Amino acid sequence: MTLFRENLPSGLYFLHLTQDNRKITTNKLIITD
């Protein structure tokens, strides 16, 4: 997975990865400048 953050401001984000309507994983992402 590649994340392009050009338009994302600093903050806390929650990522939910799903496949075939099933949750594979959930993670937190912190973006700081």
PDB file of N, CA and C in Angstrom:
ATOM      1  N   MET A   1       0.841  -1.156   0.000  1.00  0.00           N
ATOM      2  CA  MET A   1       0.000   0.000   0.000  1.00  0.00           C
ATOM      3  C   MET A   1       0.896   1.233   0.000  1.00  0.00           C
ATOM      4  N   THR A   2       0.548   2.199  -0.825  1.00  0.00           N
ATOM      5  CA  THR A   2       1.257   3.469  -0.889  1.00  0.00           C
ATOM      6  C   THR A   2       0.288   4.579  -0.536  1.00  0.00           C
ATOM      7  N   LEU A   3       0.715   5.472   0.328  1.00  0.00           N
ATOM      8  CA  LEU A   3      -0.126   6.592   0.746  1.00  0.00           C
ATOM      9  C   LEU A   3       0.520   7.882   0.273  1.00  0.00           C
ATOM     10  N   PHE A   4      -0.216   8.657  -0.518  1.00  0.00           N
ATOM     11  CA  PHE A   4       0.240   9.971  -0.960  1.00  0.00           C
ATOM     12  C   PHE A   4      -0.448  11.002  -0.079  1.00  0.00           C
ATOM     13  N   ARG A   5       0.310  11.767   0.686  1.00  0.00           N
ATOM     14  CA  ARG A   5      -0.277  12.636   1.696  1.00  0.00           C
ATOM     15  C   ARG A   5      -0.274  14.114   1.319  1.00  0.00           C
ATOM     16  N   GLU A   6      -0.231  14.445   0.044  1.00  0.00           N
ATOM     17  CA  GLU A   6      -0.168  15.842  -0.375  1.00  0.00           C
ATOM     18  C   GLU A   6      -1.276  16.690   0.244  1.00  0.00           C
ATOM     19  N   ASN A   7      -2.482  16.161   0.346  1.00  0.00           N
ATOM     20  CA  ASN A   7      -3.620  16.943   0.819  1.00  0.00           C
ATOM     21  C   ASN A   7      -4.045  16.595   2.235  1.00  0.00           C
ATOM     22  N   LEU A   8      -3.293  15.754   2.935  1.00  0.00           N
ATOM     23  CA  LEU A   8      -3.659  15.379   4.301  1.00  0.00           C
ATOM     24  C   LEU A   8      -2.942  16.282   5.296  1.00  0.00           C
ATOM     25  N   PRO A   9      -3.694  16.971   6.152  1.00  0.00           N
ATOM     26  CA  PRO A   9      -3.039  17.780   7.181  1.00  0.00           C
ATOM     27  C   PRO A   9      -2.487  16.895   8.293  1.00  0.00           C
ATOM     28  N   SER A  10      -1.661  17.484   9.140  1.00  0.00           N
ATOM     29  CA  SER A  10      -1.142  16.761  10.303  1.00  0.00           C
ATOM     30  C   SER A  10      -2.299  16.302  11.171  1.00  0.00           C
ATOM     31  N   GLY A  11      -2.156  15.118  11.754  1.00  0.00           N
ATOM     32  CA  GLY A  11      -3.205  14.620  12.636  1.00  0.00           C
ATOM     33  C   GLY A  11      -3.121  13.121  12.805  1.00  0.00           C
ATOM     34  N   LEU A  12      -4.122  12.585  13.492  1.00  0.00           N
ATOM     35  CA  LEU A  12      -4.236  11.154  13.754  1.00  0.00           C
ATOM     36  C   LEU A  12      -5.278  10.573  12.808  1.00  0.00           C
ATOM     37  N   TYR A  13      -4.926   9.511  12.108  1.00  0.00           N
ATOM     38  CA  TYR A  13      -5.818   8.862  11.149  1.00  0.00           C
ATOM     39  C   TYR A  13      -5.942   7.385  11.498  1.00  0.00           C
ATOM     40  N   PHE A  14      -7.109   6.829  11.263  1.00  0.00           N
ATOM     41  CA  PHE A  14      -7.349   5.405  11.475  1.00  0.00           C
ATOM     42  C   PHE A  14      -7.510   4.749  10.113  1.00  0.00           C
ATOM     43  N   LEU A  15      -6.736   3.706   9.854  1.00  0.00           N
ATOM     44  CA  LEU A  15      -6.775   2.988   8.582  1.00  0.00           C
ATOM     45  C   LEU A  15      -7.474   1.651   8.780  1.00  0.00           C
ATOM     46  N   HIS A  16      -8.458   1.379   7.948  1.00  0.00           N
ATOM     47  CA  HIS A  16      -9.174   0.105   7.990  1.00  0.00           C
ATOM     48  C   HIS A  16      -8.973  -0.573   6.639  1.00  0.00           C
ATOM     49  N   LEU A  17      -8.245  -1.666   6.619  1.00  0.00           N
ATOM     50  CA  LEU A  17      -7.987  -2.412   5.388  1.00  0.00           C
ATOM     51  C   LEU A  17      -8.994  -3.545   5.297  1.00  0.00           C
ATOM     52  N   THR A  18      -9.773  -3.558   4.222  1.00  0.00           N
ATOM     53  CA  THR A  18     -10.792  -4.593   4.033  1.00  0.00           C
ATOM     54  C   THR A  18     -10.601  -5.272   2.680  1.00  0.00           C
ATOM     55  N   GLN A  19     -11.072  -6.518   2.608  1.00  0.00           N
ATOM     56  CA  GLN A  19     -11.065  -7.278   1.364  1.00  0.00           C
ATOM     57  C   GLN A  19     -12.296  -8.155   1.362  1.00  0.00           C
ATOM     58  N   ASP A  20     -13.073  -8.092   0.289  1.00  0.00           N
ATOM     59  CA  ASP A  20     -14.310  -8.870   0.164  1.00  0.00           C
ATOM     60  C   ASP A  20     -15.226  -8.658   1.372  1.00  0.00           C
ATOM     61  N   ASN A  21     -15.382  -7.375   1.774  1.00  0.00           N
ATOM     62  CA  ASN A  21     -16.237  -6.985   2.903  1.00  0.00           C
ATOM     63  C   ASN A  21     -15.800  -7.582   4.232  1.00  0.00           C
ATOM     64  N   ARG A  22     -14.550  -8.027   4.343  1.00  0.00           N
ATOM     65  CA  ARG A  22     -14.014  -8.542   5.612  1.00  0.00           C
ATOM     66  C   ARG A  22     -12.856  -7.659   6.049  1.00  0.00           C
ATOM     67  N   LYS A  23     -12.847  -7.289   7.316  1.00  0.00           N
ATOM     68  CA  LYS A  23     -11.777  -6.451   7.843  1.00  0.00           C
ATOM     69  C   LYS A  23     -10.507  -7.279   7.987  1.00  0.00           C
ATOM     70  N   ILE A  24      -9.440  -6.817   7.360  1.00  0.00           N
ATOM     71  CA  ILE A  24      -8.150  -7.484   7.428  1.00  0.00           C
ATOM     72  C   ILE A  24      -7.353  -6.950   8.623  1.00  0.00           C
ATOM     73  N   THR A  25      -7.282  -5.623   8.740  1.00  0.00           N
ATOM     74  CA  THR A  25      -6.534  -5.011   9.840  1.00  0.00           C
ATOM     75  C   THR A  25      -7.005  -3.586  10.059  1.00  0.00           C
ATOM     76  N   THR A  26      -6.722  -3.062  11.217  1.00  0.00           N
ATOM     77  CA  THR A  26      -6.971  -1.664  11.565  1.00  0.00           C
ATOM     78  C   THR A  26      -5.700  -1.117  12.197  1.00  0.00           C
ATOM     79  N   ASN A  27      -5.272   0.061  11.734  1.00  0.00           N
ATOM     80  CA  ASN A  27      -4.049   0.680  12.249  1.00  0.00           C
ATOM     81  C   ASN A  27      -4.256   2.168  12.446  1.00  0.00           C
ATOM     82  N   LYS A  28      -3.387   2.758  13.259  1.00  0.00           N
ATOM     83  CA  LYS A  28      -3.365   4.202  13.449  1.00  0.00           C
ATOM     84  C   LYS A  28      -2.174   4.775  12.690  1.00  0.00           C
ATOM     85  N   LEU A  29      -2.375   5.952  12.126  1.00  0.00           N
ATOM     86  CA  LEU A  29      -1.319   6.654  11.407  1.00  0.00           C
ATOM     87  C   LEU A  29      -1.257   8.071  11.954  1.00  0.00           C
ATOM     88  N   ILE A  30      -0.074   8.497  12.378  1.00  0.00           N
ATOM     89  CA  ILE A  30       0.118   9.856  12.870  1.00  0.00           C
ATOM     90  C   ILE A  30       0.980  10.599  11.862  1.00  0.00           C
ATOM     91  N   ILE A  31       0.472  11.732  11.371  1.00  0.00           N
ATOM     92  CA  ILE A  31       1.210  12.562  10.430  1.00  0.00           C
ATOM     93  C   ILE A  31       1.599  13.849  11.148  1.00  0.00           C
ATOM     94  N   THR A  32       2.901  14.151  11.144  1.00  0.00           N
ATOM     95  CA  THR A  32       3.399  15.389  11.737  1.00  0.00           C
ATOM     96  C   THR A  32       4.269  16.112  10.720  1.00  0.00           C
ATOM     97  N   ASP A  33       4.329  17.394  10.844  1.00  0.00           N
ATOM     98  CA  ASP A  33       5.198  18.195   9.966  1.00  0.00           C
ATOM     99  C   ASP A  33       6.413  18.660  10.711  1.00  0.00           C
TER     100      ASP A  33
END
